[in-house]
Amino acid sequence: MAVLNVTKENFAEIRASEKPVLLDFYADWCGPCRMVSPIVDEIAKEHSEFTVGKVNVDDQPELAAAFRVSSIPMLTVMKNGAVTAHAVGARPKSAILDMLKG
């Protein structure tokens, strides 16, 4: 499945997903974000049991504020509409998958 571009307009639909949701809060100018981005893309392609989306904090300041993003990259996992895990900073693929499965 492809990575979804998450905006305030489609967030309610993504939040309502029956699958666990991985959100990658990022900015184009952020070096560590560029390191995490291909890993998030791989997870989306390899694991159809998850909904994977990216939130550009520069384009979506309301979502960034709602999730209290203070540093990027920030990865957030949601299940049944509630945040179950989050991590700030670059993470290896195995750690991201552990967050999703945990």
PDB file of N, CA and C in Angstrom:
ATOM      1  N   MET A   1       0.840  -1.181   0.000  1.00  0.00           N
ATOM      2  CA  MET A   1       0.000   0.000   0.000  1.00  0.00           C
ATOM      3  C   MET A   1       0.886   1.246   0.000  1.00  0.00           C
ATOM      4  N   ALA A   2       0.448   2.250  -0.658  1.00  0.00           N
ATOM      5  CA  ALA A   2       1.223   3.488  -0.752  1.00  0.00           C
ATOM      6  C   ALA A   2       1.105   4.308   0.531  1.00  0.00           C
ATOM      7  N   VAL A   3       2.086   5.147   0.753  1.00  0.00           N
ATOM      8  CA  VAL A   3       2.048   6.074   1.877  1.00  0.00           C
ATOM      9  C   VAL A   3       1.021   7.152   1.568  1.00  0.00           C
ATOM     10  N   LEU A   4       0.194   7.469   2.553  1.00  0.00           N
ATOM     11  CA  LEU A   4      -0.834   8.488   2.388  1.00  0.00           C
ATOM     12  C   LEU A   4      -0.295   9.846   2.806  1.00  0.00           C
ATOM     13  N   ASN A   5      -0.676  10.873   2.061  1.00  0.00           N
ATOM     14  CA  ASN A   5      -0.355  12.241   2.438  1.00  0.00           C
ATOM     15  C   ASN A   5      -1.458  12.703   3.383  1.00  0.00           C
ATOM     16  N   VAL A   6      -1.120  12.880   4.646  1.00  0.00           N
ATOM     17  CA  VAL A   6      -2.127  13.195   5.659  1.00  0.00           C
ATOM     18  C   VAL A   6      -2.277  14.706   5.786  1.00  0.00           C
ATOM     19  N   THR A   7      -3.534  15.146   5.712  1.00  0.00           N
ATOM     20  CA  THR A   7      -3.866  16.566   5.865  1.00  0.00           C
ATOM     21  C   THR A   7      -4.996  16.678   6.875  1.00  0.00           C
ATOM     22  N   LYS A   8      -5.288  17.897   7.293  1.00  0.00           N
ATOM     23  CA  LYS A   8      -6.401  18.067   8.234  1.00  0.00           C
ATOM     24  C   LYS A   8      -7.721  17.660   7.582  1.00  0.00           C
ATOM     25  N   GLU A   9      -7.776  17.712   6.248  1.00  0.00           N
ATOM     26  CA  GLU A   9      -9.002  17.355   5.536  1.00  0.00           C
ATOM     27  C   GLU A   9      -9.256  15.839   5.536  1.00  0.00           C
ATOM     28  N   ASN A  10      -8.209  15.012   5.485  1.00  0.00           N
ATOM     29  CA  ASN A  10      -8.423  13.561   5.433  1.00  0.00           C
ATOM     30  C   ASN A  10      -8.035  12.851   6.733  1.00  0.00           C
ATOM     31  N   PHE A  11      -7.646  13.603   7.755  1.00  0.00           N
ATOM     32  CA  PHE A  11      -7.176  12.981   8.986  1.00  0.00           C
ATOM     33  C   PHE A  11      -8.251  12.140   9.676  1.00  0.00           C
ATOM     34  N   ALA A  12      -9.479  12.597   9.716  1.00  0.00           N
ATOM     35  CA  ALA A  12     -10.544  11.844  10.402  1.00  0.00           C
ATOM     36  C   ALA A  12     -10.714  10.464   9.787  1.00  0.00           C
ATOM     37  N   GLU A  13     -10.623  10.391   8.468  1.00  0.00           N
ATOM     38  CA  GLU A  13     -10.748   9.105   7.771  1.00  0.00           C
ATOM     39  C   GLU A  13      -9.581   8.176   8.128  1.00  0.00           C
ATOM     40  N   ILE A  14      -8.384   8.730   8.165  1.00  0.00           N
ATOM     41  CA  ILE A  14      -7.204   7.928   8.487  1.00  0.00           C
ATOM     42  C   ILE A  14      -7.254   7.490   9.950  1.00  0.00           C
ATOM     43  N   ARG A  15      -7.652   8.378  10.824  1.00  0.00           N
ATOM     44  CA  ARG A  15      -7.757   8.058  12.253  1.00  0.00           C
ATOM     45  C   ARG A  15      -8.747   6.922  12.496  1.00  0.00           C
ATOM     46  N   ALA A  16      -9.779   6.842  11.680  1.00  0.00           N
ATOM     47  CA  ALA A  16     -10.819   5.821  11.835  1.00  0.00           C
ATOM     48  C   ALA A  16     -10.421   4.465  11.258  1.00  0.00           C
ATOM     49  N   SER A  17      -9.220   4.359  10.714  1.00  0.00           N
ATOM     50  CA  SER A  17      -8.762   3.099  10.120  1.00  0.00           C
ATOM     51  C   SER A  17      -8.871   1.954  11.119  1.00  0.00           C
ATOM     52  N   GLU A  18      -9.293   0.810  10.633  1.00  0.00           N
ATOM     53  CA  GLU A  18      -9.354  -0.378  11.483  1.00  0.00           C
ATOM     54  C   GLU A  18      -7.962  -0.973  11.702  1.00  0.00           C
ATOM     55  N   LYS A  19      -7.020  -0.583  10.863  1.00  0.00           N
ATOM     56  CA  LYS A  19      -5.641  -1.060  10.974  1.00  0.00           C
ATOM     57  C   LYS A  19      -4.860  -0.113  11.893  1.00  0.00           C
ATOM     58  N   PRO A  20      -3.777  -0.593  12.496  1.00  0.00           N
ATOM     59  CA  PRO A  20      -2.879   0.328  13.198  1.00  0.00           C
ATOM     60  C   PRO A  20      -2.351   1.370  12.201  1.00  0.00           C
ATOM     61  N   VAL A  21      -2.209   2.600  12.665  1.00  0.00           N
ATOM     62  CA  VAL A  21      -1.793   3.713  11.809  1.00  0.00           C
ATOM     63  C   VAL A  21      -0.423   4.208  12.250  1.00  0.00           C
ATOM     64  N   LEU A  22       0.495   4.336  11.295  1.00  0.00           N
ATOM     65  CA  LEU A  22       1.795   4.948  11.533  1.00  0.00           C
ATOM     66  C   LEU A  22       1.790   6.314  10.873  1.00  0.00           C
ATOM     67  N   LEU A  23       2.040   7.365  11.655  1.00  0.00           N
ATOM     68  CA  LEU A  23       2.151   8.721  11.123  1.00  0.00           C
ATOM     69  C   LEU A  23       3.593   9.186  11.270  1.00  0.00           C
ATOM     70  N   ASP A  24       4.148   9.674  10.181  1.00  0.00           N
ATOM     71  CA  ASP A  24       5.504  10.223  10.151  1.00  0.00           C
ATOM     72  C   ASP A  24       5.384  11.733  10.013  1.00  0.00           C
ATOM     73  N   PHE A  25       5.673  12.459  11.091  1.00  0.00           N
ATOM     74  CA  PHE A  25       5.670  13.926  11.060  1.00  0.00           C
ATOM     75  C   PHE A  25       7.065  14.366  10.620  1.00  0.00           C
ATOM     76  N   TYR A  26       7.122  15.151   9.542  1.00  0.00           N
ATOM     77  CA  TYR A  26       8.414  15.483   8.933  1.00  0.00           C
ATOM     78  C   TYR A  26       8.367  16.883   8.313  1.00  0.00           C
ATOM     79  N   ALA A  27       9.528  17.321   7.837  1.00  0.00           N
ATOM     80  CA  ALA A  27       9.645  18.530   7.015  1.00  0.00           C
ATOM     81  C   ALA A  27      10.675  18.248   5.928  1.00  0.00           C
ATOM     82  N   ASP A  28      10.482  18.861   4.779  1.00  0.00           N
ATOM     83  CA  ASP A  28      11.389  18.622   3.651  1.00  0.00           C
ATOM     84  C   ASP A  28      12.826  19.038   3.953  1.00  0.00           C
ATOM     85  N   TRP A  29      13.012  20.035   4.798  1.00  0.00           N
ATOM     86  CA  TRP A  29      14.348  20.557   5.084  1.00  0.00           C
ATOM     87  C   TRP A  29      15.084  19.769   6.168  1.00  0.00           C
ATOM     88  N   CYS A  30      14.444  18.791   6.769  1.00  0.00           N
ATOM     89  CA  CYS A  30      14.975  18.057   7.927  1.00  0.00           C
ATOM     90  C   CYS A  30      15.816  16.859   7.483  1.00  0.00           C
ATOM     91  N   GLY A  31      17.105  16.873   7.806  1.00  0.00           N
ATOM     92  CA  GLY A  31      18.006  15.781   7.434  1.00  0.00           C
ATOM     93  C   GLY A  31      17.601  14.427   8.015  1.00  0.00           C
ATOM     94  N   PRO A  32      17.388  14.325   9.333  1.00  0.00           N
ATOM     95  CA  PRO A  32      16.965  13.042   9.897  1.00  0.00           C
ATOM     96  C   PRO A  32      15.632  12.551   9.316  1.00  0.00           C
ATOM     97  N   CYS A  33      14.759  13.477   8.943  1.00  0.00           N
ATOM     98  CA  CYS A  33      13.480  13.097   8.318  1.00  0.00           C
ATOM     99  C   CYS A  33      13.739  12.397   6.983  1.00  0.00           C
ATOM    100  N   ARG A  34      14.722  12.894   6.251  1.00  0.00           N
ATOM    101  CA  ARG A  34      15.055  12.272   4.959  1.00  0.00           C
ATOM    102  C   ARG A  34      15.658  10.884   5.146  1.00  0.00           C
ATOM    103  N   MET A  35      16.232  10.625   6.317  1.00  0.00           N
ATOM    104  CA  MET A  35      16.750   9.285   6.616  1.00  0.00           C
ATOM    105  C   MET A  35      15.604   8.323   6.937  1.00  0.00           C
ATOM    106  N   VAL A  36      14.599   8.803   7.634  1.00  0.00           N
ATOM    107  CA  VAL A  36      13.472   7.966   8.056  1.00  0.00           C
ATOM    108  C   VAL A  36      12.489   7.722   6.914  1.00  0.00           C
ATOM    109  N   SER A  37      12.335   8.678   6.032  1.00  0.00           N
ATOM    110  CA  SER A  37      11.321   8.610   4.974  1.00  0.00           C
ATOM    111  C   SER A  37      11.356   7.324   4.145  1.00  0.00           C
ATOM    112  N   PRO A  38      12.539   6.882   3.641  1.00  0.00           N
ATOM    113  CA  PRO A  38      12.541   5.648   2.854  1.00  0.00           C
ATOM    114  C   PRO A  38      12.172   4.412   3.684  1.00  0.00           C
ATOM    115  N   ILE A  39      12.463   4.448   4.977  1.00  0.00           N
ATOM    116  CA  ILE A  39      12.094   3.330   5.851  1.00  0.00           C
ATOM    117  C   ILE A  39      10.576   3.266   5.982  1.00  0.00           C
ATOM    118  N   VAL A  40       9.958   4.422   6.162  1.00  0.00           N
ATOM    119  CA  VAL A  40       8.494   4.488   6.260  1.00  0.00           C
ATOM    120  C   VAL A  40       7.869   4.019   4.948  1.00  0.00           C
ATOM    121  N   ASP A  41       8.463   4.408   3.822  1.00  0.00           N
ATOM    122  CA  ASP A  41       7.972   3.959   2.515  1.00  0.00           C
ATOM    123  C   ASP A  41       8.039   2.433   2.402  1.00  0.00           C
ATOM    124  N   GLU A  42       9.150   1.843   2.849  1.00  0.00           N
ATOM    125  CA  GLU A  42       9.314   0.380   2.812  1.00  0.00           C
ATOM    126  C   GLU A  42       8.249  -0.311   3.653  1.00  0.00           C
ATOM    127  N   ILE A  43       8.015   0.199   4.843  1.00  0.00           N
ATOM    128  CA  ILE A  43       7.010  -0.398   5.727  1.00  0.00           C
ATOM    129  C   ILE A  43       5.642  -0.362   5.062  1.00  0.00           C
ATOM    130  N   ALA A  44       5.312   0.747   4.412  1.00  0.00           N
ATOM    131  CA  ALA A  44       4.017   0.854   3.733  1.00  0.00           C
ATOM    132  C   ALA A  44       3.889  -0.181   2.624  1.00  0.00           C
ATOM    133  N   LYS A  45       4.969  -0.391   1.869  1.00  0.00           N
ATOM    134  CA  LYS A  45       4.934  -1.344   0.757  1.00  0.00           C
ATOM    135  C   LYS A  45       4.904  -2.790   1.232  1.00  0.00           C
ATOM    136  N   GLU A  46       5.619  -3.078   2.308  1.00  0.00           N
ATOM    137  CA  GLU A  46       5.784  -4.459   2.761  1.00  0.00           C
ATOM    138  C   GLU A  46       4.714  -4.931   3.747  1.00  0.00           C
ATOM    139  N   HIS A  47       3.998  -4.002   4.376  1.00  0.00           N
ATOM    140  CA  HIS A  47       3.075  -4.370   5.461  1.00  0.00           C
ATOM    141  C   HIS A  47       1.693  -3.766   5.226  1.00  0.00           C
ATOM    142  N   SER A  48       0.885  -4.475   4.465  1.00  0.00           N
ATOM    143  CA  SER A  48      -0.458  -3.983   4.159  1.00  0.00           C
ATOM    144  C   SER A  48      -1.374  -4.023   5.378  1.00  0.00           C
ATOM    145  N   GLU A  49      -0.913  -4.645   6.467  1.00  0.00           N
ATOM    146  CA  GLU A  49      -1.739  -4.683   7.678  1.00  0.00           C
ATOM    147  C   GLU A  49      -1.704  -3.363   8.450  1.00  0.00           C
ATOM    148  N   PHE A  50      -0.906  -2.404   7.976  1.00  0.00           N
ATOM    149  CA  PHE A  50      -0.818  -1.088   8.600  1.00  0.00           C
ATOM    150  C   PHE A  50      -1.258  -0.005   7.616  1.00  0.00           C
ATOM    151  N   THR A  51      -1.826   1.060   8.154  1.00  0.00           N
ATOM    152  CA  THR A  51      -2.065   2.282   7.385  1.00  0.00           C
ATOM    153  C   THR A  51      -0.897   3.201   7.689  1.00  0.00           C
ATOM    154  N   VAL A  52      -0.236   3.707   6.647  1.00  0.00           N
ATOM    155  CA  VAL A  52       0.959   4.527   6.835  1.00  0.00           C
ATOM    156  C   VAL A  52       0.745   5.883   6.170  1.00  0.00           C
ATOM    157  N   GLY A  53       1.001   6.935   6.934  1.00  0.00           N
ATOM    158  CA  GLY A  53       0.832   8.284   6.403  1.00  0.00           C
ATOM    159  C   GLY A  53       1.956   9.200   6.831  1.00  0.00           C
ATOM    160  N   LYS A  54       2.136  10.256   6.051  1.00  0.00           N
ATOM    161  CA  LYS A  54       3.144  11.267   6.354  1.00  0.00           C
ATOM    162  C   LYS A  54       2.455  12.616   6.503  1.00  0.00           C
ATOM    163  N   VAL A  55       2.903  13.358   7.502  1.00  0.00           N
ATOM    164  CA  VAL A  55       2.358  14.682   7.782  1.00  0.00           C
ATOM    165  C   VAL A  55       3.486  15.690   7.671  1.00  0.00           C
ATOM    166  N   ASN A  56       3.406  16.580   6.682  1.00  0.00           N
ATOM    167  CA  ASN A  56       4.393  17.646   6.538  1.00  0.00           C
ATOM    168  C   ASN A  56       4.031  18.735   7.544  1.00  0.00           C
ATOM    169  N   VAL A  57       4.878  18.920   8.560  1.00  0.00           N
ATOM    170  CA  VAL A  57       4.543  19.864   9.637  1.00  0.00           C
ATOM    171  C   VAL A  57       4.494  21.311   9.154  1.00  0.00           C
ATOM    172  N   ASP A  58       5.201  21.627   8.072  1.00  0.00           N
ATOM    173  CA  ASP A  58       5.147  22.987   7.532  1.00  0.00           C
ATOM    174  C   ASP A  58       3.814  23.252   6.837  1.00  0.00           C
ATOM    175  N   ASP A  59       3.271  22.225   6.181  1.00  0.00           N
ATOM    176  CA  ASP A  59       2.005  22.368   5.463  1.00  0.00           C
ATOM    177  C   ASP A  59       0.788  22.123   6.347  1.00  0.00           C
ATOM    178  N   GLN A  60       0.974  21.392   7.442  1.00  0.00           N
ATOM    179  CA  GLN A  60      -0.136  21.001   8.323  1.00  0.00           C
ATOM    180  C   GLN A  60       0.150  21.405   9.780  1.00  0.00           C
ATOM    181  N   PRO A  61       0.277  22.704  10.045  1.00  0.00           N
ATOM    182  CA  PRO A  61       0.614  23.127  11.412  1.00  0.00           C
ATOM    183  C   PRO A  61      -0.462  22.752  12.437  1.00  0.00           C
ATOM    184  N   GLU A  62      -1.726  22.663  12.011  1.00  0.00           N
ATOM    185  CA  GLU A  62      -2.788  22.306  12.952  1.00  0.00           C
ATOM    186  C   GLU A  62      -2.607  20.876  13.457  1.00  0.00           C
ATOM    187  N   LEU A  63      -2.289  19.947  12.547  1.00  0.00           N
ATOM    188  CA  LEU A  63      -2.057  18.559  12.961  1.00  0.00           C
ATOM    189  C   LEU A  63      -0.808  18.459  13.823  1.00  0.00           C
ATOM    190  N   ALA A  64       0.233  19.183  13.440  1.00  0.00           N
ATOM    191  CA  ALA A  64       1.465  19.169  14.240  1.00  0.00           C
ATOM    192  C   ALA A  64       1.178  19.668  15.654  1.00  0.00           C
ATOM    193  N   ALA A  65       0.388  20.708  15.777  1.00  0.00           N
ATOM    194  CA  ALA A  65       0.041  21.232  17.097  1.00  0.00           C
ATOM    195  C   ALA A  65      -0.831  20.250  17.869  1.00  0.00           C
ATOM    196  N   ALA A  66      -1.776  19.612  17.186  1.00  0.00           N
ATOM    197  CA  ALA A  66      -2.666  18.658  17.848  1.00  0.00           C
ATOM    198  C   ALA A  66      -1.892  17.479  18.425  1.00  0.00           C
ATOM    199  N   PHE A  67      -0.807  17.096  17.765  1.00  0.00           N
ATOM    200  CA  PHE A  67       0.010  15.983  18.235  1.00  0.00           C
ATOM    201  C   PHE A  67       1.205  16.454  19.068  1.00  0.00           C
ATOM    202  N   ARG A  68       1.247  17.753  19.346  1.00  0.00           N
ATOM    203  CA  ARG A  68       2.308  18.348  20.167  1.00  0.00           C
ATOM    204  C   ARG A  68       3.702  18.026  19.635  1.00  0.00           C
ATOM    205  N   VAL A  69       3.852  18.170  18.332  1.00  0.00           N
ATOM    206  CA  VAL A  69       5.154  17.914  17.707  1.00  0.00           C
ATOM    207  C   VAL A  69       6.092  19.053  18.085  1.00  0.00           C
ATOM    208  N   SER A  70       7.163  18.701  18.783  1.00  0.00           N
ATOM    209  CA  SER A  70       8.139  19.714  19.167  1.00  0.00           C
ATOM    210  C   SER A  70       9.485  19.491  18.486  1.00  0.00           C
ATOM    211  N   SER A  71       9.672  18.291  17.948  1.00  0.00           N
ATOM    212  CA  SER A  71      10.904  17.962  17.241  1.00  0.00           C
ATOM    213  C   SER A  71      10.565  16.915  16.185  1.00  0.00           C
ATOM    214  N   ILE A  72      11.292  16.958  15.079  1.00  0.00           N
ATOM    215  CA  ILE A  72      11.038  16.009  13.994  1.00  0.00           C
ATOM    216  C   ILE A  72      12.327  15.310  13.610  1.00  0.00           C
ATOM    217  N   PRO A  73      12.247  14.133  13.036  1.00  0.00           N
ATOM    218  CA  PRO A  73      11.029  13.391  12.734  1.00  0.00           C
ATOM    219  C   PRO A  73      10.384  12.859  14.012  1.00  0.00           C
ATOM    220  N   MET A  74       9.053  12.804  13.986  1.00  0.00           N
ATOM    221  CA  MET A  74       8.300  12.193  15.078  1.00  0.00           C
ATOM    222  C   MET A  74       7.394  11.131  14.476  1.00  0.00           C
ATOM    223  N   LEU A  75       7.489   9.935  14.999  1.00  0.00           N
ATOM    224  CA  LEU A  75       6.665   8.826  14.544  1.00  0.00           C
ATOM    225  C   LEU A  75       5.616   8.544  15.605  1.00  0.00           C
ATOM    226  N   THR A  76       4.363   8.426  15.176  1.00  0.00           N
ATOM    227  CA  THR A  76       3.255   8.174  16.084  1.00  0.00           C
ATOM    228  C   THR A  76       2.476   6.966  15.594  1.00  0.00           C
ATOM    229  N   VAL A  77       2.121   6.093  16.516  1.00  0.00           N
ATOM    230  CA  VAL A  77       1.290   4.937  16.197  1.00  0.00           C
ATOM    231  C   VAL A  77      -0.069   5.140  16.862  1.00  0.00           C
ATOM    232  N   MET A  78      -1.116   4.910  16.073  1.00  0.00           N
ATOM    233  CA  MET A  78      -2.481   5.012  16.587  1.00  0.00           C
ATOM    234  C   MET A  78      -3.196   3.689  16.363  1.00  0.00           C
ATOM    235  N   LYS A  79      -3.972   3.276  17.363  1.00  0.00           N
ATOM    236  CA  LYS A  79      -4.827   2.090  17.236  1.00  0.00           C
ATOM    237  C   LYS A  79      -6.194   2.469  17.763  1.00  0.00           C
ATOM    238  N   ASN A  80      -7.218   2.163  16.973  1.00  0.00           N
ATOM    239  CA  ASN A  80      -8.593   2.511  17.333  1.00  0.00           C
ATOM    240  C   ASN A  80      -8.739   3.994  17.635  1.00  0.00           C
ATOM    241  N   GLY A  81      -8.019   4.830  16.888  1.00  0.00           N
ATOM    242  CA  GLY A  81      -8.131   6.275  17.013  1.00  0.00           C
ATOM    243  C   GLY A  81      -7.341   6.896  18.147  1.00  0.00           C
ATOM    244  N   ALA A  82      -6.651   6.076  18.946  1.00  0.00           N
ATOM    245  CA  ALA A  82      -5.887   6.599  20.079  1.00  0.00           C
ATOM    246  C   ALA A  82      -4.390   6.385  19.861  1.00  0.00           C
ATOM    247  N   VAL A  83      -3.596   7.332  20.336  1.00  0.00           N
ATOM    248  CA  VAL A  83      -2.141   7.214  20.245  1.00  0.00           C
ATOM    249  C   VAL A  83      -1.678   6.145  21.231  1.00  0.00           C
ATOM    250  N   THR A  84      -0.925   5.176  20.715  1.00  0.00           N
ATOM    251  CA  THR A  84      -0.410   4.105  21.570  1.00  0.00           C
ATOM    252  C   THR A  84       1.108   4.177  21.741  1.00  0.00           C
ATOM    253  N   ALA A  85       1.784   4.879  20.839  1.00  0.00           N
ATOM    254  CA  ALA A  85       3.243   5.000  20.935  1.00  0.00           C
ATOM    255  C   ALA A  85       3.701   6.180  20.090  1.00  0.00           C
ATOM    256  N   HIS A  86       4.813   6.763  20.500  1.00  0.00           N
ATOM    257  CA  HIS A  86       5.466   7.765  19.645  1.00  0.00           C
ATOM    258  C   HIS A  86       6.949   7.804  19.975  1.00  0.00           C
ATOM    259  N   ALA A  87       7.704   8.230  18.993  1.00  0.00           N
ATOM    260  CA  ALA A  87       9.152   8.333  19.141  1.00  0.00           C
ATOM    261  C   ALA A  87       9.639   9.537  18.352  1.00  0.00           C
ATOM    262  N   VAL A  88      10.598  10.242  18.915  1.00  0.00           N
ATOM    263  CA  VAL A  88      11.185  11.399  18.259  1.00  0.00           C
ATOM    264  C   VAL A  88      12.598  11.040  17.829  1.00  0.00           C
ATOM    265  N   GLY A  89      12.929  11.424  16.609  1.00  0.00           N
ATOM    266  CA  GLY A  89      14.263  11.168  16.085  1.00  0.00           C
ATOM    267  C   GLY A  89      14.272   9.977  15.146  1.00  0.00           C
ATOM    268  N   ALA A  90      15.369   9.838  14.427  1.00  0.00           N
ATOM    269  CA  ALA A  90      15.507   8.739  13.472  1.00  0.00           C
ATOM    270  C   ALA A  90      15.526   7.408  14.210  1.00  0.00           C
ATOM    271  N   ARG A  91      14.846   6.433  13.632  1.00  0.00           N
ATOM    272  CA  ARG A  91      14.752   5.091  14.206  1.00  0.00           C
ATOM    273  C   ARG A  91      15.011   4.058  13.113  1.00  0.00           C
ATOM    274  N   PRO A  92      15.611   2.918  13.475  1.00  0.00           N
ATOM    275  CA  PRO A  92      15.773   1.857  12.477  1.00  0.00           C
ATOM    276  C   PRO A  92      14.415   1.198  12.203  1.00  0.00           C
ATOM    277  N   LYS A  93      14.349   0.511  11.093  1.00  0.00           N
ATOM    278  CA  LYS A  93      13.115  -0.145  10.678  1.00  0.00           C
ATOM    279  C   LYS A  93      12.584  -1.087  11.756  1.00  0.00           C
ATOM    280  N   SER A  94      13.461  -1.850  12.374  1.00  0.00           N
ATOM    281  CA  SER A  94      13.030  -2.817  13.386  1.00  0.00           C
ATOM    282  C   SER A  94      12.342  -2.120  14.563  1.00  0.00           C
ATOM    283  N   ALA A  95      12.848  -0.972  14.975  1.00  0.00           N
ATOM    284  CA  ALA A  95      12.240  -0.236  16.091  1.00  0.00           C
ATOM    285  C   ALA A  95      10.876   0.310  15.713  1.00  0.00           C
ATOM    286  N   ILE A  96      10.727   0.750  14.478  1.00  0.00           N
ATOM    287  CA  ILE A  96       9.436   1.266  14.010  1.00  0.00           C
ATOM    288  C   ILE A  96       8.417   0.126  13.956  1.00  0.00           C
ATOM    289  N   LEU A  97       8.839  -1.010  13.440  1.00  0.00           N
ATOM    290  CA  LEU A  97       7.931  -2.169  13.397  1.00  0.00           C
ATOM    291  C   LEU A  97       7.552  -2.631  14.802  1.00  0.00           C
ATOM    292  N   ASP A  98       8.490  -2.575  15.735  1.00  0.00           N
ATOM    293  CA  ASP A  98       8.177  -2.934  17.117  1.00  0.00           C
ATOM    294  C   ASP A  98       7.113  -2.007  17.694  1.00  0.00           C
ATOM    295  N   MET A  99       7.207  -0.710  17.370  1.00  0.00           N
ATOM    296  CA  MET A  99       6.184   0.247  17.816  1.00  0.00           C
ATOM    297  C   MET A  99       4.809  -0.147  17.267  1.00  0.00           C
ATOM    298  N   LEU A 100       4.777  -0.516  16.004  1.00  0.00           N
ATOM    299  CA  LEU A 100       3.503  -0.857  15.354  1.00  0.00           C
ATOM    300  C   LEU A 100       2.910  -2.146  15.908  1.00  0.00           C
ATOM    301  N   LYS A 101       3.759  -3.097  16.197  1.00  0.00           N
ATOM    302  CA  LYS A 101       3.270  -4.415  16.639  1.00  0.00           C
ATOM    303  C   LYS A 101       3.057  -4.471  18.141  1.00  0.00           C
ATOM    304  N   GLY A 102       3.663  -3.536  18.882  1.00  0.00           N
ATOM    305  CA  GLY A 102       3.637  -3.569  20.343  1.00  0.00           C
ATOM    306  C   GLY A 102       2.362  -3.269  20.996  1.00  0.00           C
TER     307      GLY A 102
END
